[in-house]
Amino acid sequence: MKPRFGIVLAALWWGSLTALGFLVVPMLFVHLGSPAAAGAMAAKLFTAQTWLSTACAILMLLIFNKRDDEALAAYAWPAMKFIVAGLLLALLVEFGVAPRIVSAGPRVQA
């Protein structure tokens, strides 16, 4: 049961990233009146996605950190590298990239 739960979490994580990046955010920019409003809503959605990614990654690390279970040992350690990398990248975007984008502010075109 636990290996299946880990796979379900990975699918939830990947599916939420895909849906947000390829469907939801482009739809915001198409259907909302101004790009500023769409950008503000997209920023809130990306923040929510960061916390969903963090929760999925932590739960997956807890599930795959079973050293005594030989069924999980075959693929758990290579998967943990990708899980940690995904977690660190999500946190980097939230706390490293996003504040720089916000502090840059709008640019005036001549």
PDB file of N, CA and C in Angstrom:
ATOM      1  N   MET A   1       0.815  -1.201   0.000  1.00  0.00           N
ATOM      2  CA  MET A   1       0.000   0.000   0.000  1.00  0.00           C
ATOM      3  C   MET A   1       0.857   1.263   0.000  1.00  0.00           C
ATOM      4  N   LYS A   2       1.935   1.261   0.777  1.00  0.00           N
ATOM      5  CA  LYS A   2       2.763   2.462   0.851  1.00  0.00           C
ATOM      6  C   LYS A   2       3.457   2.803  -0.468  1.00  0.00           C
ATOM      7  N   PRO A   3       3.971   1.806  -1.220  1.00  0.00           N
ATOM      8  CA  PRO A   3       4.555   2.199  -2.508  1.00  0.00           C
ATOM      9  C   PRO A   3       3.525   2.833  -3.442  1.00  0.00           C
ATOM     10  N   ARG A   4       2.306   2.373  -3.404  1.00  0.00           N
ATOM     11  CA  ARG A   4       1.268   2.964  -4.240  1.00  0.00           C
ATOM     12  C   ARG A   4       0.963   4.393  -3.803  1.00  0.00           C
ATOM     13  N   PHE A   5       0.966   4.640  -2.511  1.00  0.00           N
ATOM     14  CA  PHE A   5       0.709   5.987  -2.016  1.00  0.00           C
ATOM     15  C   PHE A   5       1.802   6.944  -2.475  1.00  0.00           C
ATOM     16  N   GLY A   6       3.033   6.479  -2.493  1.00  0.00           N
ATOM     17  CA  GLY A   6       4.134   7.302  -2.994  1.00  0.00           C
ATOM     18  C   GLY A   6       3.976   7.624  -4.461  1.00  0.00           C
ATOM     19  N   ILE A   7       3.523   6.652  -5.244  1.00  0.00           N
ATOM     20  CA  ILE A   7       3.295   6.881  -6.668  1.00  0.00           C
ATOM     21  C   ILE A   7       2.132   7.846  -6.873  1.00  0.00           C
ATOM     22  N   VAL A   8       1.094   7.714  -6.061  1.00  0.00           N
ATOM     23  CA  VAL A   8      -0.044   8.634  -6.155  1.00  0.00           C
ATOM     24  C   VAL A   8       0.398  10.058  -5.816  1.00  0.00           C
ATOM     25  N   LEU A   9       1.244  10.202  -4.803  1.00  0.00           N
ATOM     26  CA  LEU A   9       1.758  11.535  -4.463  1.00  0.00           C
ATOM     27  C   LEU A   9       2.597  12.112  -5.590  1.00  0.00           C
ATOM     28  N   ALA A  10       3.419  11.276  -6.207  1.00  0.00           N
ATOM     29  CA  ALA A  10       4.236  11.749  -7.329  1.00  0.00           C
ATOM     30  C   ALA A  10       3.349  12.170  -8.493  1.00  0.00           C
ATOM     31  N   ALA A  11       2.292  11.414  -8.745  1.00  0.00           N
ATOM     32  CA  ALA A  11       1.370  11.766  -9.825  1.00  0.00           C
ATOM     33  C   ALA A  11       0.619  13.060  -9.502  1.00  0.00           C
ATOM     34  N   LEU A  12       0.233  13.238  -8.251  1.00  0.00           N
ATOM     35  CA  LEU A  12      -0.431  14.476  -7.837  1.00  0.00           C
ATOM     36  C   LEU A  12       0.497  15.671  -8.023  1.00  0.00           C
ATOM     37  N   TRP A  13       1.728  15.508  -7.632  1.00  0.00           N
ATOM     38  CA  TRP A  13       2.717  16.577  -7.758  1.00  0.00           C
ATOM     39  C   TRP A  13       2.922  16.937  -9.230  1.00  0.00           C
ATOM     40  N   TRP A  14       3.186  15.935 -10.061  1.00  0.00           N
ATOM     41  CA  TRP A  14       3.419  16.182 -11.477  1.00  0.00           C
ATOM     42  C   TRP A  14       2.166  16.739 -12.159  1.00  0.00           C
ATOM     43  N   GLY A  15       1.024  16.180 -11.843  1.00  0.00           N
ATOM     44  CA  GLY A  15      -0.214  16.646 -12.451  1.00  0.00           C
ATOM     45  C   GLY A  15      -0.548  18.075 -12.080  1.00  0.00           C
ATOM     46  N   SER A  16      -0.302  18.440 -10.839  1.00  0.00           N
ATOM     47  CA  SER A  16      -0.595  19.819 -10.429  1.00  0.00           C
ATOM     48  C   SER A  16       0.358  20.804 -11.099  1.00  0.00           C
ATOM     49  N   LEU A  17       1.620  20.427 -11.229  1.00  0.00           N
ATOM     50  CA  LEU A  17       2.565  21.292 -11.937  1.00  0.00           C
ATOM     51  C   LEU A  17       2.171  21.463 -13.401  1.00  0.00           C
ATOM     52  N   THR A  18       1.796  20.370 -14.025  1.00  0.00           N
ATOM     53  CA  THR A  18       1.431  20.409 -15.435  1.00  0.00           C
ATOM     54  C   THR A  18       0.151  21.215 -15.656  1.00  0.00           C
ATOM     55  N   ALA A  19      -0.851  20.951 -14.840  1.00  0.00           N
ATOM     56  CA  ALA A  19      -2.121  21.660 -15.002  1.00  0.00           C
ATOM     57  C   ALA A  19      -1.952  23.157 -14.773  1.00  0.00           C
ATOM     58  N   LEU A  20      -1.203  23.508 -13.757  1.00  0.00           N
ATOM     59  CA  LEU A  20      -1.015  24.930 -13.460  1.00  0.00           C
ATOM     60  C   LEU A  20      -0.207  25.619 -14.553  1.00  0.00           C
ATOM     61  N   GLY A  21       0.891  24.996 -14.951  1.00  0.00           N
ATOM     62  CA  GLY A  21       1.782  25.639 -15.909  1.00  0.00           C
ATOM     63  C   GLY A  21       1.271  25.682 -17.330  1.00  0.00           C
ATOM     64  N   PHE A  22       0.552  24.644 -17.753  1.00  0.00           N
ATOM     65  CA  PHE A  22       0.145  24.573 -19.154  1.00  0.00           C
ATOM     66  C   PHE A  22      -1.322  24.910 -19.389  1.00  0.00           C
ATOM     67  N   LEU A  23      -2.146  24.890 -18.351  1.00  0.00           N
ATOM     68  CA  LEU A  23      -3.566  25.161 -18.547  1.00  0.00           C
ATOM     69  C   LEU A  23      -4.044  26.404 -17.811  1.00  0.00           C
ATOM     70  N   VAL A  24      -3.839  26.439 -16.512  1.00  0.00           N
ATOM     71  CA  VAL A  24      -4.470  27.464 -15.687  1.00  0.00           C
ATOM     72  C   VAL A  24      -3.875  28.846 -15.935  1.00  0.00           C
ATOM     73  N   VAL A  25      -2.570  28.966 -15.851  1.00  0.00           N
ATOM     74  CA  VAL A  25      -1.950  30.290 -15.985  1.00  0.00           C
ATOM     75  C   VAL A  25      -2.149  30.877 -17.386  1.00  0.00           C
ATOM     76  N   PRO A  26      -1.978  30.109 -18.456  1.00  0.00           N
ATOM     77  CA  PRO A  26      -2.298  30.707 -19.766  1.00  0.00           C
ATOM     78  C   PRO A  26      -3.761  31.130 -19.888  1.00  0.00           C
ATOM     79  N   MET A  27      -4.665  30.369 -19.295  1.00  0.00           N
ATOM     80  CA  MET A  27      -6.080  30.748 -19.324  1.00  0.00           C
ATOM     81  C   MET A  27      -6.320  32.046 -18.560  1.00  0.00           C
ATOM     82  N   LEU A  28      -5.587  32.259 -17.481  1.00  0.00           N
ATOM     83  CA  LEU A  28      -5.716  33.518 -16.744  1.00  0.00           C
ATOM     84  C   LEU A  28      -5.361  34.703 -17.627  1.00  0.00           C
ATOM     85  N   PHE A  29      -4.260  34.587 -18.350  1.00  0.00           N
ATOM     86  CA  PHE A  29      -3.825  35.708 -19.173  1.00  0.00           C
ATOM     87  C   PHE A  29      -4.735  35.924 -20.376  1.00  0.00           C
ATOM     88  N   VAL A  30      -5.420  34.887 -20.802  1.00  0.00           N
ATOM     89  CA  VAL A  30      -6.350  35.037 -21.923  1.00  0.00           C
ATOM     90  C   VAL A  30      -7.657  35.668 -21.463  1.00  0.00           C
ATOM     91  N   HIS A  31      -8.168  35.231 -20.307  1.00  0.00           N
ATOM     92  CA  HIS A  31      -9.524  35.614 -19.929  1.00  0.00           C
ATOM     93  C   HIS A  31      -9.632  36.785 -18.955  1.00  0.00           C
ATOM     94  N   LEU A  32      -8.602  37.081 -18.217  1.00  0.00           N
ATOM     95  CA  LEU A  32      -8.679  38.246 -17.333  1.00  0.00           C
ATOM     96  C   LEU A  32      -8.353  39.506 -18.133  1.00  0.00           C
ATOM     97  N   GLY A  33      -8.912  40.592 -17.694  1.00  0.00           N
ATOM     98  CA  GLY A  33      -8.803  41.831 -18.456  1.00  0.00           C
ATOM     99  C   GLY A  33      -7.397  42.366 -18.594  1.00  0.00           C
ATOM    100  N   SER A  34      -6.685  42.466 -17.513  1.00  0.00           N
ATOM    101  CA  SER A  34      -5.356  43.070 -17.580  1.00  0.00           C
ATOM    102  C   SER A  34      -4.277  42.039 -17.237  1.00  0.00           C
ATOM    103  N   PRO A  35      -3.105  42.195 -17.810  1.00  0.00           N
ATOM    104  CA  PRO A  35      -2.008  41.304 -17.453  1.00  0.00           C
ATOM    105  C   PRO A  35      -1.584  41.433 -15.997  1.00  0.00           C
ATOM    106  N   ALA A  36      -1.793  42.605 -15.407  1.00  0.00           N
ATOM    107  CA  ALA A  36      -1.439  42.791 -13.999  1.00  0.00           C
ATOM    108  C   ALA A  36      -2.315  41.935 -13.101  1.00  0.00           C
ATOM    109  N   ALA A  37      -3.610  41.883 -13.389  1.00  0.00           N
ATOM    110  CA  ALA A  37      -4.521  41.056 -12.593  1.00  0.00           C
ATOM    111  C   ALA A  37      -4.207  39.577 -12.782  1.00  0.00           C
ATOM    112  N   ALA A  38      -3.923  39.185 -14.024  1.00  0.00           N
ATOM    113  CA  ALA A  38      -3.584  37.782 -14.286  1.00  0.00           C
ATOM    114  C   ALA A  38      -2.274  37.403 -13.605  1.00  0.00           C
ATOM    115  N   GLY A  39      -1.313  38.309 -13.626  1.00  0.00           N
ATOM    116  CA  GLY A  39      -0.032  38.047 -12.975  1.00  0.00           C
ATOM    117  C   GLY A  39      -0.162  37.912 -11.467  1.00  0.00           C
ATOM    118  N   ALA A  40      -0.992  38.742 -10.872  1.00  0.00           N
ATOM    119  CA  ALA A  40      -1.204  38.665  -9.430  1.00  0.00           C
ATOM    120  C   ALA A  40      -1.876  37.345  -9.051  1.00  0.00           C
ATOM    121  N   MET A  41      -2.859  36.937  -9.835  1.00  0.00           N
ATOM    122  CA  MET A  41      -3.526  35.659  -9.560  1.00  0.00           C
ATOM    123  C   MET A  41      -2.575  34.492  -9.793  1.00  0.00           C
ATOM    124  N   ALA A  42      -1.765  34.565 -10.836  1.00  0.00           N
ATOM    125  CA  ALA A  42      -0.791  33.503 -11.111  1.00  0.00           C
ATOM    126  C   ALA A  42       0.224  33.400  -9.980  1.00  0.00           C
ATOM    127  N   ALA A  43       0.636  34.528  -9.431  1.00  0.00           N
ATOM    128  CA  ALA A  43       1.586  34.500  -8.319  1.00  0.00           C
ATOM    129  C   ALA A  43       0.997  33.787  -7.115  1.00  0.00           C
ATOM    130  N   LYS A  44      -0.283  34.036  -6.827  1.00  0.00           N
ATOM    131  CA  LYS A  44      -0.934  33.341  -5.710  1.00  0.00           C
ATOM    132  C   LYS A  44      -1.033  31.843  -5.972  1.00  0.00           C
ATOM    133  N   LEU A  45      -1.329  31.483  -7.213  1.00  0.00           N
ATOM    134  CA  LEU A  45      -1.414  30.067  -7.561  1.00  0.00           C
ATOM    135  C   LEU A  45      -0.042  29.385  -7.479  1.00  0.00           C
ATOM    136  N   PHE A  46       1.009  30.085  -7.891  1.00  0.00           N
ATOM    137  CA  PHE A  46       2.350  29.516  -7.794  1.00  0.00           C
ATOM    138  C   PHE A  46       2.787  29.341  -6.345  1.00  0.00           C
ATOM    139  N   THR A  47       2.367  30.243  -5.472  1.00  0.00           N
ATOM    140  CA  THR A  47       2.663  30.082  -4.049  1.00  0.00           C
ATOM    141  C   THR A  47       1.955  28.851  -3.489  1.00  0.00           C
ATOM    142  N   ALA A  48       0.698  28.684  -3.852  1.00  0.00           N
ATOM    143  CA  ALA A  48      -0.035  27.489  -3.419  1.00  0.00           C
ATOM    144  C   ALA A  48       0.618  26.227  -3.976  1.00  0.00           C
ATOM    145  N   GLN A  49       1.098  26.291  -5.202  1.00  0.00           N
ATOM    146  CA  GLN A  49       1.766  25.138  -5.803  1.00  0.00           C
ATOM    147  C   GLN A  49       3.058  24.810  -5.074  1.00  0.00           C
ATOM    148  N   THR A  50       3.768  25.817  -4.617  1.00  0.00           N
ATOM    149  CA  THR A  50       4.997  25.570  -3.856  1.00  0.00           C
ATOM    150  C   THR A  50       4.707  24.800  -2.584  1.00  0.00           C
ATOM    151  N   TRP A  51       3.647  25.180  -1.885  1.00  0.00           N
ATOM    152  CA  TRP A  51       3.335  24.488  -0.635  1.00  0.00           C
ATOM    153  C   TRP A  51       2.793  23.084  -0.891  1.00  0.00           C
ATOM    154  N   LEU A  52       2.066  22.891  -1.977  1.00  0.00           N
ATOM    155  CA  LEU A  52       1.636  21.543  -2.351  1.00  0.00           C
ATOM    156  C   LEU A  52       2.849  20.689  -2.715  1.00  0.00           C
ATOM    157  N   SER A  53       3.799  21.249  -3.436  1.00  0.00           N
ATOM    158  CA  SER A  53       5.021  20.531  -3.780  1.00  0.00           C
ATOM    159  C   SER A  53       5.818  20.166  -2.541  1.00  0.00           C
ATOM    160  N   THR A  54       5.890  21.083  -1.600  1.00  0.00           N
ATOM    161  CA  THR A  54       6.620  20.806  -0.358  1.00  0.00           C
ATOM    162  C   THR A  54       5.958  19.676   0.417  1.00  0.00           C
ATOM    163  N   ALA A  55       4.651  19.704   0.524  1.00  0.00           N
ATOM    164  CA  ALA A  55       3.944  18.643   1.246  1.00  0.00           C
ATOM    165  C   ALA A  55       4.103  17.302   0.553  1.00  0.00           C
ATOM    166  N   CYS A  56       3.962  17.262  -0.760  1.00  0.00           N
ATOM    167  CA  CYS A  56       4.131  16.005  -1.496  1.00  0.00           C
ATOM    168  C   CYS A  56       5.555  15.468  -1.334  1.00  0.00           C
ATOM    169  N   ALA A  57       6.545  16.343  -1.446  1.00  0.00           N
ATOM    170  CA  ALA A  57       7.936  15.905  -1.337  1.00  0.00           C
ATOM    171  C   ALA A  57       8.243  15.364   0.052  1.00  0.00           C
ATOM    172  N   ILE A  58       7.778  16.030   1.084  1.00  0.00           N
ATOM    173  CA  ILE A  58       8.058  15.558   2.449  1.00  0.00           C
ATOM    174  C   ILE A  58       7.377  14.225   2.705  1.00  0.00           C
ATOM    175  N   LEU A  59       6.132  14.081   2.270  1.00  0.00           N
ATOM    176  CA  LEU A  59       5.441  12.807   2.440  1.00  0.00           C
ATOM    177  C   LEU A  59       6.118  11.695   1.645  1.00  0.00           C
ATOM    178  N   MET A  60       6.574  11.998   0.447  1.00  0.00           N
ATOM    179  CA  MET A  60       7.268  10.991  -0.349  1.00  0.00           C
ATOM    180  C   MET A  60       8.598  10.600   0.290  1.00  0.00           C
ATOM    181  N   LEU A  61       9.303  11.565   0.850  1.00  0.00           N
ATOM    182  CA  LEU A  61      10.559  11.235   1.540  1.00  0.00           C
ATOM    183  C   LEU A  61      10.305  10.344   2.748  1.00  0.00           C
ATOM    184  N   LEU A  62       9.225  10.608   3.460  1.00  0.00           N
ATOM    185  CA  LEU A  62       8.892   9.759   4.605  1.00  0.00           C
ATOM    186  C   LEU A  62       8.513   8.343   4.173  1.00  0.00           C
ATOM    187  N   ILE A  63       7.816   8.236   3.071  1.00  0.00           N
ATOM    188  CA  ILE A  63       7.398   6.919   2.586  1.00  0.00           C
ATOM    189  C   ILE A  63       8.592   6.133   2.065  1.00  0.00           C
ATOM    190  N   PHE A  64       9.449   6.780   1.282  1.00  0.00           N
ATOM    191  CA  PHE A  64      10.557   6.071   0.644  1.00  0.00           C
ATOM    192  C   PHE A  64      11.773   5.904   1.548  1.00  0.00           C
ATOM    193  N   ASN A  65      11.732   6.404   2.759  1.00  0.00           N
ATOM    194  CA  ASN A  65      12.865   6.292   3.676  1.00  0.00           C
ATOM    195  C   ASN A  65      12.749   5.039   4.544  1.00  0.00           C
ATOM    196  N   LYS A  66      12.426   3.933   3.944  1.00  0.00           N
ATOM    197  CA  LYS A  66      12.342   2.660   4.661  1.00  0.00           C
ATOM    198  C   LYS A  66      13.547   1.814   4.276  1.00  0.00           C
ATOM    199  N   ARG A  67      14.505   1.752   5.137  1.00  0.00           N
ATOM    200  CA  ARG A  67      15.732   1.017   4.828  1.00  0.00           C
ATOM    201  C   ARG A  67      15.563  -0.491   4.945  1.00  0.00           C
ATOM    202  N   ASP A  68      14.603  -0.953   5.717  1.00  0.00           N
ATOM    203  CA  ASP A  68      14.431  -2.383   5.927  1.00  0.00           C
ATOM    204  C   ASP A  68      13.490  -3.035   4.916  1.00  0.00           C
ATOM    205  N   ASP A  69      12.789  -2.265   4.129  1.00  0.00           N
ATOM    206  CA  ASP A  69      11.849  -2.804   3.149  1.00  0.00           C
ATOM    207  C   ASP A  69      12.571  -2.988   1.822  1.00  0.00           C
ATOM    208  N   GLU A  70      12.809  -4.243   1.426  1.00  0.00           N
ATOM    209  CA  GLU A  70      13.575  -4.507   0.212  1.00  0.00           C
ATOM    210  C   GLU A  70      12.795  -4.196  -1.056  1.00  0.00           C
ATOM    211  N   ALA A  71      11.469  -4.232  -0.987  1.00  0.00           N
ATOM    212  CA  ALA A  71      10.673  -3.896  -2.165  1.00  0.00           C
ATOM    213  C   ALA A  71      10.843  -2.421  -2.531  1.00  0.00           C
ATOM    214  N   LEU A  72      10.980  -1.579  -1.534  1.00  0.00           N
ATOM    215  CA  LEU A  72      11.178  -0.154  -1.797  1.00  0.00           C
ATOM    216  C   LEU A  72      12.635   0.207  -2.057  1.00  0.00           C
ATOM    217  N   ALA A  73      13.553  -0.586  -1.533  1.00  0.00           N
ATOM    218  CA  ALA A  73      14.971  -0.231  -1.609  1.00  0.00           C
ATOM    219  C   ALA A  73      15.483  -0.159  -3.039  1.00  0.00           C
ATOM    220  N   ALA A  74      14.903  -0.945  -3.946  1.00  0.00           N
ATOM    221  CA  ALA A  74      15.404  -0.984  -5.313  1.00  0.00           C
ATOM    222  C   ALA A  74      15.254   0.360  -6.026  1.00  0.00           C
ATOM    223  N   TYR A  75      14.185   1.069  -5.774  1.00  0.00           N
ATOM    224  CA  TYR A  75      13.981   2.331  -6.475  1.00  0.00           C
ATOM    225  C   TYR A  75      13.848   3.532  -5.549  1.00  0.00           C
ATOM    226  N   ALA A  76      13.956   3.324  -4.258  1.00  0.00           N
ATOM    227  CA  ALA A  76      13.747   4.428  -3.328  1.00  0.00           C
ATOM    228  C   ALA A  76      14.898   5.429  -3.337  1.00  0.00           C
ATOM    229  N   TRP A  77      16.139   4.961  -3.322  1.00  0.00           N
ATOM    230  CA  TRP A  77      17.258   5.898  -3.223  1.00  0.00           C
ATOM    231  C   TRP A  77      17.434   6.738  -4.477  1.00  0.00           C
ATOM    232  N   PRO A  78      17.337   6.156  -5.674  1.00  0.00           N
ATOM    233  CA  PRO A  78      17.408   7.055  -6.842  1.00  0.00           C
ATOM    234  C   PRO A  78      16.243   8.048  -6.886  1.00  0.00           C
ATOM    235  N   ALA A  79      15.058   7.605  -6.480  1.00  0.00           N
ATOM    236  CA  ALA A  79      13.903   8.497  -6.486  1.00  0.00           C
ATOM    237  C   ALA A  79      14.073   9.617  -5.468  1.00  0.00           C
ATOM    238  N   MET A  80      14.704   9.332  -4.356  1.00  0.00           N
ATOM    239  CA  MET A  80      14.869  10.351  -3.314  1.00  0.00           C
ATOM    240  C   MET A  80      15.724  11.516  -3.800  1.00  0.00           C
ATOM    241  N   LYS A  81      16.667  11.242  -4.679  1.00  0.00           N
ATOM    242  CA  LYS A  81      17.481  12.338  -5.230  1.00  0.00           C
ATOM    243  C   LYS A  81      16.611  13.311  -6.025  1.00  0.00           C
ATOM    244  N   PHE A  82      15.700  12.772  -6.836  1.00  0.00           N
ATOM    245  CA  PHE A  82      14.816  13.625  -7.623  1.00  0.00           C
ATOM    246  C   PHE A  82      13.808  14.349  -6.732  1.00  0.00           C
ATOM    247  N   ILE A  83      13.351  13.683  -5.682  1.00  0.00           N
ATOM    248  CA  ILE A  83      12.398  14.305  -4.766  1.00  0.00           C
ATOM    249  C   ILE A  83      13.040  15.499  -4.063  1.00  0.00           C
ATOM    250  N   VAL A  84      14.251  15.310  -3.565  1.00  0.00           N
ATOM    251  CA  VAL A  84      14.956  16.400  -2.879  1.00  0.00           C
ATOM    252  C   VAL A  84      15.262  17.528  -3.856  1.00  0.00           C
ATOM    253  N   ALA A  85      15.668  17.186  -5.074  1.00  0.00           N
ATOM    254  CA  ALA A  85      15.947  18.221  -6.069  1.00  0.00           C
ATOM    255  C   ALA A  85      14.677  19.018  -6.395  1.00  0.00           C
ATOM    256  N   GLY A  86      13.551  18.340  -6.552  1.00  0.00           N
ATOM    257  CA  GLY A  86      12.295  19.030  -6.815  1.00  0.00           C
ATOM    258  C   GLY A  86      11.876  19.924  -5.667  1.00  0.00           C
ATOM    259  N   LEU A  87      12.059  19.443  -4.450  1.00  0.00           N
ATOM    260  CA  LEU A  87      11.730  20.240  -3.269  1.00  0.00           C
ATOM    261  C   LEU A  87      12.597  21.496  -3.202  1.00  0.00           C
ATOM    262  N   LEU A  88      13.897  21.330  -3.414  1.00  0.00           N
ATOM    263  CA  LEU A  88      14.790  22.486  -3.356  1.00  0.00           C
ATOM    264  C   LEU A  88      14.510  23.490  -4.471  1.00  0.00           C
ATOM    265  N   LEU A  89      14.174  22.994  -5.651  1.00  0.00           N
ATOM    266  CA  LEU A  89      13.847  23.913  -6.745  1.00  0.00           C
ATOM    267  C   LEU A  89      12.551  24.668  -6.477  1.00  0.00           C
ATOM    268  N   ALA A  90      11.559  23.995  -5.920  1.00  0.00           N
ATOM    269  CA  ALA A  90      10.295  24.673  -5.600  1.00  0.00           C
ATOM    270  C   ALA A  90      10.529  25.768  -4.559  1.00  0.00           C
ATOM    271  N   LEU A  91      11.325  25.463  -3.549  1.00  0.00           N
ATOM    272  CA  LEU A  91      11.611  26.471  -2.519  1.00  0.00           C
ATOM    273  C   LEU A  91      12.479  27.601  -3.059  1.00  0.00           C
ATOM    274  N   LEU A  92      13.387  27.283  -3.980  1.00  0.00           N
ATOM    275  CA  LEU A  92      14.209  28.316  -4.596  1.00  0.00           C
ATOM    276  C   LEU A  92      13.355  29.292  -5.398  1.00  0.00           C
ATOM    277  N   VAL A  93      12.392  28.767  -6.141  1.00  0.00           N
ATOM    278  CA  VAL A  93      11.512  29.644  -6.915  1.00  0.00           C
ATOM    279  C   VAL A  93      10.691  30.533  -5.985  1.00  0.00           C
ATOM    280  N   GLU A  94      10.157  29.940  -4.913  1.00  0.00           N
ATOM    281  CA  GLU A  94       9.290  30.707  -4.010  1.00  0.00           C
ATOM    282  C   GLU A  94      10.054  31.785  -3.246  1.00  0.00           C
ATOM    283  N   PHE A  95      11.226  31.434  -2.727  1.00  0.00           N
ATOM    284  CA  PHE A  95      11.938  32.360  -1.844  1.00  0.00           C
ATOM    285  C   PHE A  95      13.139  33.040  -2.488  1.00  0.00           C
ATOM    286  N   GLY A  96      13.530  32.631  -3.687  1.00  0.00           N
ATOM    287  CA  GLY A  96      14.665  33.245  -4.348  1.00  0.00           C
ATOM    288  C   GLY A  96      14.286  34.024  -5.590  1.00  0.00           C
ATOM    289  N   VAL A  97      13.491  33.418  -6.451  1.00  0.00           N
ATOM    290  CA  VAL A  97      13.160  34.038  -7.728  1.00  0.00           C
ATOM    291  C   VAL A  97      11.966  34.987  -7.599  1.00  0.00           C
ATOM    292  N   ALA A  98      10.904  34.526  -6.967  1.00  0.00           N
ATOM    293  CA  ALA A  98       9.685  35.335  -6.873  1.00  0.00           C
ATOM    294  C   ALA A  98       9.904  36.691  -6.196  1.00  0.00           C
ATOM    295  N   PRO A  99      10.643  36.768  -5.094  1.00  0.00           N
ATOM    296  CA  PRO A  99      10.873  38.102  -4.505  1.00  0.00           C
ATOM    297  C   PRO A  99      11.638  39.041  -5.431  1.00  0.00           C
ATOM    298  N   ARG A 100      12.531  38.502  -6.252  1.00  0.00           N
ATOM    299  CA  ARG A 100      13.262  39.353  -7.195  1.00  0.00           C
ATOM    300  C   ARG A 100      12.343  39.876  -8.291  1.00  0.00           C
ATOM    301  N   ILE A 101      11.390  39.037  -8.709  1.00  0.00           N
ATOM    302  CA  ILE A 101      10.440  39.478  -9.725  1.00  0.00           C
ATOM    303  C   ILE A 101       9.548  40.577  -9.165  1.00  0.00           C
ATOM    304  N   VAL A 102       9.087  40.405  -7.935  1.00  0.00           N
ATOM    305  CA  VAL A 102       8.211  41.396  -7.314  1.00  0.00           C
ATOM    306  C   VAL A 102       8.962  42.704  -7.079  1.00  0.00           C
ATOM    307  N   SER A 103      10.216  42.609  -6.644  1.00  0.00           N
ATOM    308  CA  SER A 103      10.967  43.832  -6.359  1.00  0.00           C
ATOM    309  C   SER A 103      11.364  44.571  -7.644  1.00  0.00           C
ATOM    310  N   ALA A 104      11.401  43.879  -8.766  1.00  0.00           N
ATOM    311  CA  ALA A 104      11.747  44.544 -10.024  1.00  0.00           C
ATOM    312  C   ALA A 104      10.624  45.506 -10.436  1.00  0.00           C
ATOM    313  N   GLY A 105       9.385  45.143 -10.115  1.00  0.00           N
ATOM    314  CA  GLY A 105       8.262  46.022 -10.423  1.00  0.00           C
ATOM    315  C   GLY A 105       7.965  46.099 -11.902  1.00  0.00           C
ATOM    316  N   PRO A 106       6.928  46.844 -12.239  1.00  0.00           N
ATOM    317  CA  PRO A 106       6.570  46.970 -13.653  1.00  0.00           C
ATOM    318  C   PRO A 106       7.565  47.830 -14.406  1.00  0.00           C
ATOM    319  N   ARG A 107       7.771  47.490 -15.649  1.00  0.00           N
ATOM    320  CA  ARG A 107       8.683  48.258 -16.491  1.00  0.00           C
ATOM    321  C   ARG A 107       7.864  49.125 -17.436  1.00  0.00           C
ATOM    322  N   VAL A 108       8.272  50.346 -17.563  1.00  0.00           N
ATOM    323  CA  VAL A 108       7.573  51.276 -18.435  1.00  0.00           C
ATOM    324  C   VAL A 108       8.206  51.200 -19.817  1.00  0.00           C
ATOM    325  N   GLN A 109       7.364  50.978 -20.811  1.00  0.00           N
ATOM    326  CA  GLN A 109       7.864  50.924 -22.190  1.00  0.00           C
ATOM    327  C   GLN A 109       7.687  52.285 -22.847  1.00  0.00           C
ATOM    328  N   ALA A 110       8.694  52.663 -23.591  1.00  0.00           N
ATOM    329  CA  ALA A 110       8.649  53.984 -24.251  1.00  0.00           C
ATOM    330  C   ALA A 110       7.976  53.917 -25.596  1.00  0.00           C
TER     331      ALA A 110
END
